Amino acid sequence: MKANPDNRKDNVERIQRNINMTIRNMELADEMMGKTDNPKTKEELRAKNEKREQALKGMRGEIKDEADAKENKNL
């Protein structure tokens, strides 16, 4: 069985799409926190958003690396 070649053409776009979805999920969680009186739910949503913030940092670093690699390949 032959391995598929590494196709990185759309990595920047894919990562950006994931960033956008993560930000949207954070916004939805913030809205939900404002609408609920349940302290447990608020804490769970806060914790999820903290994890999402960490994921965003990683994705932003990854998108920068991919963009740099794409640019250097075109030189």
C-alpha atoms as a PDB file:
ATOM      1  CA  MET A   1       0.000   0.000   0.000  1.00  0.00           C
ATOM      2  CA  LYS A   2       1.453   3.330  -1.076  1.00  0.00           C
ATOM      3  CA  ALA A   3       1.249   6.344   1.244  1.00  0.00           C
ATOM      4  CA  ASN A   4      -0.505   9.452  -0.003  1.00  0.00           C
ATOM      5  CA  PRO A   5       1.838  12.341  -0.786  1.00  0.00           C
ATOM      6  CA  ASP A   6       1.804  15.281   1.627  1.00  0.00           C
ATOM      7  CA  ASN A   7      -0.605  17.767   0.048  1.00  0.00           C
ATOM      8  CA  ARG A   8      -0.261  21.059   1.890  1.00  0.00           C
ATOM      9  CA  LYS A   9      -1.849  23.305  -0.733  1.00  0.00           C
ATOM     10  CA  ASP A  10      -4.935  24.116   1.314  1.00  0.00           C
ATOM     11  CA  ASN A  11      -3.490  23.938   4.832  1.00  0.00           C
ATOM     12  CA  VAL A  12      -3.619  27.702   5.415  1.00  0.00           C
ATOM     13  CA  GLU A  13      -7.248  27.858   4.296  1.00  0.00           C
ATOM     14  CA  ARG A  14      -8.183  24.786   6.358  1.00  0.00           C
ATOM     15  CA  ILE A  15      -6.511  26.143   9.485  1.00  0.00           C
ATOM     16  CA  GLN A  16      -8.155  29.542   8.971  1.00  0.00           C
ATOM     17  CA  ARG A  17     -11.536  27.818   8.673  1.00  0.00           C
ATOM     18  CA  ASN A  18     -10.852  26.017  11.966  1.00  0.00           C
ATOM     19  CA  ILE A  19      -9.852  29.299  13.612  1.00  0.00           C
ATOM     20  CA  ASN A  20     -13.079  30.919  12.432  1.00  0.00           C
ATOM     21  CA  MET A  21     -15.182  28.013  13.728  1.00  0.00           C
ATOM     22  CA  THR A  22     -13.397  28.067  17.086  1.00  0.00           C
ATOM     23  CA  ILE A  23     -13.959  31.806  17.480  1.00  0.00           C
ATOM     24  CA  ARG A  24     -17.632  31.338  16.616  1.00  0.00           C
ATOM     25  CA  ASN A  25     -17.939  28.573  19.216  1.00  0.00           C
ATOM     26  CA  MET A  26     -16.357  30.871  21.801  1.00  0.00           C
ATOM     27  CA  GLU A  27     -18.864  33.598  20.949  1.00  0.00           C
ATOM     28  CA  LEU A  28     -21.759  31.148  21.259  1.00  0.00           C
ATOM     29  CA  ALA A  29     -20.457  29.950  24.620  1.00  0.00           C
ATOM     30  CA  ASP A  30     -20.189  33.560  25.811  1.00  0.00           C
ATOM     31  CA  GLU A  31     -23.786  34.173  24.750  1.00  0.00           C
ATOM     32  CA  MET A  32     -24.906  31.048  26.563  1.00  0.00           C
ATOM     33  CA  MET A  33     -23.051  32.114  29.715  1.00  0.00           C
ATOM     34  CA  GLY A  34     -24.989  35.368  29.638  1.00  0.00           C
ATOM     35  CA  LYS A  35     -28.289  33.543  29.367  1.00  0.00           C
ATOM     36  CA  THR A  36     -27.843  30.879  32.043  1.00  0.00           C
ATOM     37  CA  ASP A  37     -28.040  31.205  35.798  1.00  0.00           C
ATOM     38  CA  ASN A  38     -26.527  27.774  36.369  1.00  0.00           C
ATOM     39  CA  PRO A  39     -23.059  28.267  37.902  1.00  0.00           C
ATOM     40  CA  LYS A  40     -21.934  24.767  36.882  1.00  0.00           C
ATOM     41  CA  THR A  41     -22.840  25.422  33.240  1.00  0.00           C
ATOM     42  CA  LYS A  42     -21.084  28.789  33.320  1.00  0.00           C
ATOM     43  CA  GLU A  43     -17.927  27.208  34.729  1.00  0.00           C
ATOM     44  CA  GLU A  44     -17.987  24.423  32.128  1.00  0.00           C
ATOM     45  CA  LEU A  45     -18.381  26.953  29.323  1.00  0.00           C
ATOM     46  CA  ARG A  46     -15.610  29.119  30.774  1.00  0.00           C
ATOM     47  CA  ALA A  47     -13.310  26.075  30.923  1.00  0.00           C
ATOM     48  CA  LYS A  48     -14.131  25.139  27.320  1.00  0.00           C
ATOM     49  CA  ASN A  49     -13.366  28.670  26.176  1.00  0.00           C
ATOM     50  CA  GLU A  50     -10.017  28.584  27.971  1.00  0.00           C
ATOM     51  CA  LYS A  51      -9.160  25.390  26.071  1.00  0.00           C
ATOM     52  CA  ARG A  52     -10.352  27.000  22.859  1.00  0.00           C
ATOM     53  CA  GLU A  53      -8.119  30.020  23.516  1.00  0.00           C
ATOM     54  CA  GLN A  54      -5.120  27.709  23.893  1.00  0.00           C
ATOM     55  CA  ALA A  55      -6.101  25.904  20.697  1.00  0.00           C
ATOM     56  CA  LEU A  56      -6.337  29.250  18.893  1.00  0.00           C
ATOM     57  CA  LYS A  57      -2.796  30.120  19.937  1.00  0.00           C
ATOM     58  CA  GLY A  58      -1.589  26.840  18.494  1.00  0.00           C
ATOM     59  CA  MET A  59      -3.568  27.230  15.275  1.00  0.00           C
ATOM     60  CA  ARG A  60      -2.310  30.779  14.794  1.00  0.00           C
ATOM     61  CA  GLY A  61       1.254  29.575  15.159  1.00  0.00           C
ATOM     62  CA  GLU A  62       0.558  26.738  12.749  1.00  0.00           C
ATOM     63  CA  ILE A  63      -1.024  29.023  10.164  1.00  0.00           C
ATOM     64  CA  LYS A  64       2.001  31.331  10.357  1.00  0.00           C
ATOM     65  CA  ASP A  65       4.341  28.369   9.816  1.00  0.00           C
ATOM     66  CA  GLU A  66       2.272  27.131   6.870  1.00  0.00           C
ATOM     67  CA  ALA A  67       2.080  30.597   5.309  1.00  0.00           C
ATOM     68  CA  ASP A  68       5.852  31.016   5.704  1.00  0.00           C
ATOM     69  CA  ALA A  69       6.475  27.590   4.149  1.00  0.00           C
ATOM     70  CA  LYS A  70       4.138  28.396   1.272  1.00  0.00           C
ATOM     71  CA  GLU A  71       5.879  31.741   0.698  1.00  0.00           C
ATOM     72  CA  ASN A  72       9.368  30.222   0.839  1.00  0.00           C
ATOM     73  CA  LYS A  73       8.367  27.506  -1.607  1.00  0.00           C
ATOM     74  CA  ASN A  74       7.296  30.162  -4.119  1.00  0.00           C
ATOM     75  CA  LEU A  75      10.627  32.006  -3.944  1.00  0.00           C
END
